[in-house]
Amino acid sequence: MYLYHGHLQIDNNWVENTIRPIAIGRKNYLFAGSHAAAQNAAMLYSFLGSCQRNNLNPHEWLSDVLAKLNSPDYEGRFSDLLPNRWKKQG
């Protein structure tokens, strides 16, 4: 059908490349060790995916959040540290 429609792609490599990390992760989740470890890994993947979606450097975000977790300034306001609400200091 794509022979008659020049705007259609011949293959779907871009889709396969996009979902490859999900497929590899799914296979790796089988070997998490325990249900709790799998939940922790899923939470971390979710945070890193949120960083990517919000155009944040995951290393900067995680370093800043870990440094602020024990700070009295954020007591009860942990939602401000989520990737979609986090503001880089400086």
N, C-alpha and C. Protein backbone atom coordinates (compact mmCIF):
# COMPACT_ATOMS: atom_id res chain seq x y z
N MET A 1 0.81 -1.19 0.00
CA MET A 1 0.00 0.00 0.00
C MET A 1 0.86 1.26 0.00
N TYR A 2 2.06 1.17 0.63
CA TYR A 2 2.90 2.36 0.72
C TYR A 2 3.43 2.80 -0.65
N LEU A 3 3.36 1.94 -1.65
CA LEU A 3 3.81 2.31 -2.99
C LEU A 3 2.94 3.41 -3.58
N TYR A 4 1.69 3.47 -3.16
CA TYR A 4 0.76 4.46 -3.69
C TYR A 4 0.69 5.73 -2.84
N HIS A 5 1.29 5.68 -1.67
CA HIS A 5 1.25 6.82 -0.76
C HIS A 5 2.68 7.14 -0.32
N GLY A 6 3.27 8.16 -0.89
CA GLY A 6 4.66 8.52 -0.63
C GLY A 6 4.95 8.97 0.78
N HIS A 7 3.93 9.38 1.53
CA HIS A 7 4.16 9.86 2.89
C HIS A 7 4.26 8.72 3.90
N LEU A 8 3.92 7.50 3.51
CA LEU A 8 4.01 6.35 4.43
C LEU A 8 5.43 5.80 4.47
N GLN A 9 5.83 5.36 5.66
CA GLN A 9 7.15 4.78 5.84
C GLN A 9 7.16 3.32 5.38
N ILE A 10 8.28 2.86 4.86
CA ILE A 10 8.41 1.48 4.42
C ILE A 10 8.48 0.53 5.62
N ASP A 11 9.11 0.98 6.69
CA ASP A 11 9.25 0.12 7.87
C ASP A 11 8.81 0.87 9.11
N ASN A 12 8.85 0.19 10.23
CA ASN A 12 8.46 0.81 11.50
C ASN A 12 9.62 0.81 12.49
N ASN A 13 10.83 0.98 12.00
CA ASN A 13 12.02 0.95 12.87
C ASN A 13 11.96 2.02 13.96
N TRP A 14 11.43 3.18 13.65
CA TRP A 14 11.39 4.24 14.65
C TRP A 14 10.51 3.85 15.83
N VAL A 15 9.43 3.11 15.59
CA VAL A 15 8.58 2.65 16.68
C VAL A 15 9.30 1.57 17.48
N GLU A 16 9.92 0.63 16.79
CA GLU A 16 10.63 -0.43 17.49
C GLU A 16 11.77 0.13 18.33
N ASN A 17 12.48 1.13 17.83
CA ASN A 17 13.56 1.74 18.60
C ASN A 17 13.03 2.49 19.81
N THR A 18 11.83 3.06 19.69
CA THR A 18 11.23 3.79 20.80
C THR A 18 10.81 2.87 21.93
N ILE A 19 10.27 1.70 21.60
CA ILE A 19 9.77 0.81 22.65
C ILE A 19 10.80 -0.22 23.11
N ARG A 20 11.97 -0.23 22.51
CA ARG A 20 13.00 -1.21 22.89
C ARG A 20 13.36 -1.13 24.38
N PRO A 21 13.58 0.06 24.97
CA PRO A 21 13.91 0.08 26.40
C PRO A 21 12.81 -0.53 27.27
N ILE A 22 11.56 -0.37 26.88
CA ILE A 22 10.46 -0.95 27.65
C ILE A 22 10.51 -2.46 27.57
N ALA A 23 10.74 -2.98 26.36
CA ALA A 23 10.80 -4.43 26.18
C ALA A 23 11.98 -5.04 26.92
N ILE A 24 13.12 -4.39 26.88
CA ILE A 24 14.30 -4.90 27.60
C ILE A 24 14.06 -4.84 29.11
N GLY A 25 13.47 -3.73 29.56
CA GLY A 25 13.15 -3.62 30.98
C GLY A 25 12.18 -4.69 31.43
N ARG A 26 11.18 -4.98 30.62
CA ARG A 26 10.19 -6.01 30.96
C ARG A 26 10.87 -7.36 31.17
N LYS A 27 11.83 -7.66 30.33
CA LYS A 27 12.57 -8.92 30.48
C LYS A 27 13.42 -8.88 31.75
N ASN A 28 14.02 -7.76 32.05
CA ASN A 28 14.87 -7.65 33.24
C ASN A 28 14.07 -7.67 34.53
N TYR A 29 12.81 -7.23 34.50
CA TYR A 29 12.00 -7.21 35.72
C TYR A 29 11.76 -8.62 36.24
N LEU A 30 11.87 -9.62 35.39
CA LEU A 30 11.69 -10.99 35.84
C LEU A 30 12.75 -11.40 36.84
N PHE A 31 13.88 -10.72 36.83
CA PHE A 31 15.02 -11.09 37.67
C PHE A 31 15.30 -10.02 38.73
N ALA A 32 14.28 -9.34 39.20
CA ALA A 32 14.46 -8.28 40.19
C ALA A 32 14.85 -8.82 41.56
N GLY A 33 14.54 -10.07 41.84
CA GLY A 33 14.91 -10.67 43.11
C GLY A 33 13.73 -10.83 44.05
N SER A 34 12.87 -9.83 44.12
CA SER A 34 11.69 -9.91 44.97
C SER A 34 10.65 -8.93 44.45
N HIS A 35 9.45 -9.08 44.98
CA HIS A 35 8.38 -8.17 44.57
C HIS A 35 8.71 -6.73 44.97
N ALA A 36 9.25 -6.55 46.16
CA ALA A 36 9.60 -5.20 46.63
C ALA A 36 10.69 -4.58 45.76
N ALA A 37 11.67 -5.38 45.36
CA ALA A 37 12.74 -4.86 44.49
C ALA A 37 12.17 -4.46 43.13
N ALA A 38 11.23 -5.25 42.63
CA ALA A 38 10.61 -4.91 41.35
C ALA A 38 9.82 -3.61 41.46
N GLN A 39 9.12 -3.41 42.58
CA GLN A 39 8.38 -2.16 42.79
C GLN A 39 9.34 -0.97 42.88
N ASN A 40 10.47 -1.14 43.57
CA ASN A 40 11.45 -0.06 43.67
C ASN A 40 12.03 0.28 42.30
N ALA A 41 12.32 -0.75 41.51
CA ALA A 41 12.84 -0.51 40.16
C ALA A 41 11.81 0.21 39.30
N ALA A 42 10.55 -0.17 39.42
CA ALA A 42 9.50 0.48 38.65
C ALA A 42 9.35 1.94 39.05
N MET A 43 9.49 2.22 40.36
CA MET A 43 9.39 3.59 40.83
C MET A 43 10.55 4.43 40.29
N LEU A 44 11.74 3.86 40.30
CA LEU A 44 12.90 4.58 39.78
C LEU A 44 12.76 4.84 38.28
N TYR A 45 12.30 3.83 37.53
CA TYR A 45 12.06 4.02 36.10
C TYR A 45 11.03 5.11 35.86
N SER A 46 10.02 5.16 36.71
CA SER A 46 8.98 6.17 36.58
C SER A 46 9.55 7.57 36.81
N PHE A 47 10.37 7.71 37.86
CA PHE A 47 11.00 9.01 38.12
C PHE A 47 11.89 9.43 36.96
N LEU A 48 12.70 8.50 36.45
CA LEU A 48 13.61 8.83 35.35
C LEU A 48 12.84 9.14 34.08
N GLY A 49 11.74 8.44 33.84
CA GLY A 49 10.89 8.74 32.70
C GLY A 49 10.26 10.12 32.82
N SER A 50 9.88 10.49 34.05
CA SER A 50 9.32 11.82 34.28
C SER A 50 10.37 12.90 34.04
N CYS A 51 11.61 12.62 34.42
CA CYS A 51 12.70 13.58 34.15
C CYS A 51 12.85 13.76 32.64
N GLN A 52 12.84 12.66 31.92
CA GLN A 52 12.99 12.74 30.46
C GLN A 52 11.83 13.53 29.85
N ARG A 53 10.64 13.28 30.32
CA ARG A 53 9.46 13.97 29.78
C ARG A 53 9.50 15.47 30.07
N ASN A 54 10.10 15.85 31.20
CA ASN A 54 10.18 17.25 31.59
C ASN A 54 11.51 17.90 31.19
N ASN A 55 12.28 17.23 30.34
CA ASN A 55 13.56 17.74 29.85
C ASN A 55 14.53 18.10 30.97
N LEU A 56 14.61 17.22 31.97
CA LEU A 56 15.53 17.42 33.08
C LEU A 56 16.69 16.45 32.96
N ASN A 57 17.84 16.87 33.48
CA ASN A 57 18.97 15.97 33.60
C ASN A 57 18.70 15.09 34.82
N PRO A 58 18.51 13.78 34.63
CA PRO A 58 18.16 12.92 35.77
C PRO A 58 19.21 12.93 36.88
N HIS A 59 20.48 13.04 36.52
CA HIS A 59 21.54 13.06 37.54
C HIS A 59 21.43 14.31 38.39
N GLU A 60 21.22 15.46 37.77
CA GLU A 60 21.06 16.71 38.53
C GLU A 60 19.84 16.65 39.43
N TRP A 61 18.73 16.16 38.88
CA TRP A 61 17.50 16.09 39.67
C TRP A 61 17.68 15.17 40.87
N LEU A 62 18.19 13.96 40.63
CA LEU A 62 18.32 12.99 41.71
C LEU A 62 19.31 13.46 42.76
N SER A 63 20.42 14.05 42.34
CA SER A 63 21.41 14.56 43.31
C SER A 63 20.80 15.64 44.19
N ASP A 64 20.05 16.56 43.58
CA ASP A 64 19.43 17.64 44.33
C ASP A 64 18.35 17.11 45.28
N VAL A 65 17.53 16.20 44.80
CA VAL A 65 16.45 15.66 45.63
C VAL A 65 17.02 14.88 46.81
N LEU A 66 18.03 14.06 46.59
CA LEU A 66 18.62 13.30 47.69
C LEU A 66 19.25 14.21 48.73
N ALA A 67 19.81 15.32 48.28
CA ALA A 67 20.40 16.27 49.22
C ALA A 67 19.33 16.99 50.04
N LYS A 68 18.15 17.19 49.47
CA LYS A 68 17.09 17.94 50.15
C LYS A 68 16.15 17.08 50.99
N LEU A 69 16.20 15.77 50.85
CA LEU A 69 15.22 14.92 51.53
C LEU A 69 15.20 15.10 53.05
N ASN A 70 16.33 15.32 53.66
CA ASN A 70 16.38 15.50 55.12
C ASN A 70 16.30 16.96 55.54
N SER A 71 16.14 17.84 54.59
CA SER A 71 16.10 19.26 54.91
C SER A 71 14.76 19.63 55.55
N PRO A 72 14.79 20.43 56.62
CA PRO A 72 13.52 20.86 57.24
C PRO A 72 12.71 21.78 56.31
N ASP A 73 13.35 22.35 55.29
CA ASP A 73 12.63 23.22 54.36
C ASP A 73 11.56 22.46 53.57
N TYR A 74 11.74 21.16 53.41
CA TYR A 74 10.82 20.39 52.58
C TYR A 74 9.94 19.45 53.40
N GLU A 75 9.89 19.67 54.70
CA GLU A 75 9.07 18.81 55.55
C GLU A 75 7.60 18.93 55.15
N GLY A 76 7.05 17.81 54.70
CA GLY A 76 5.65 17.79 54.28
C GLY A 76 5.40 18.32 52.89
N ARG A 77 6.43 18.80 52.20
CA ARG A 77 6.27 19.35 50.85
C ARG A 77 7.08 18.56 49.83
N PHE A 78 7.07 17.27 49.96
CA PHE A 78 7.86 16.43 49.07
C PHE A 78 7.36 16.48 47.63
N SER A 79 6.12 16.88 47.42
CA SER A 79 5.60 16.96 46.05
C SER A 79 6.35 18.02 45.25
N ASP A 80 6.96 19.00 45.94
CA ASP A 80 7.75 20.02 45.23
C ASP A 80 9.03 19.44 44.64
N LEU A 81 9.42 18.26 45.08
CA LEU A 81 10.64 17.64 44.59
C LEU A 81 10.40 16.69 43.43
N LEU A 82 9.15 16.46 43.06
CA LEU A 82 8.85 15.59 41.92
C LEU A 82 9.33 16.24 40.63
N PRO A 83 9.69 15.45 39.64
CA PRO A 83 10.28 16.02 38.42
C PRO A 83 9.43 17.09 37.72
N ASN A 84 8.11 16.96 37.77
CA ASN A 84 7.28 17.94 37.08
C ASN A 84 7.18 19.27 37.82
N ARG A 85 7.60 19.33 39.11
CA ARG A 85 7.52 20.57 39.88
C ARG A 85 8.89 21.06 40.35
N TRP A 86 9.93 20.29 40.12
CA TRP A 86 11.27 20.60 40.60
C TRP A 86 11.84 21.80 39.86
N LYS A 87 12.47 22.67 40.60
CA LYS A 87 13.15 23.84 40.03
C LYS A 87 14.62 23.76 40.37
N LYS A 88 15.47 23.91 39.38
CA LYS A 88 16.91 23.88 39.59
C LYS A 88 17.33 25.13 40.34
N GLN A 89 18.11 24.95 41.38
CA GLN A 89 18.61 26.08 42.16
C GLN A 89 19.84 26.67 41.50
N GLY A 90 19.92 27.99 41.51
CA GLY A 90 21.13 28.64 40.99
C GLY A 90 21.06 29.07 39.62
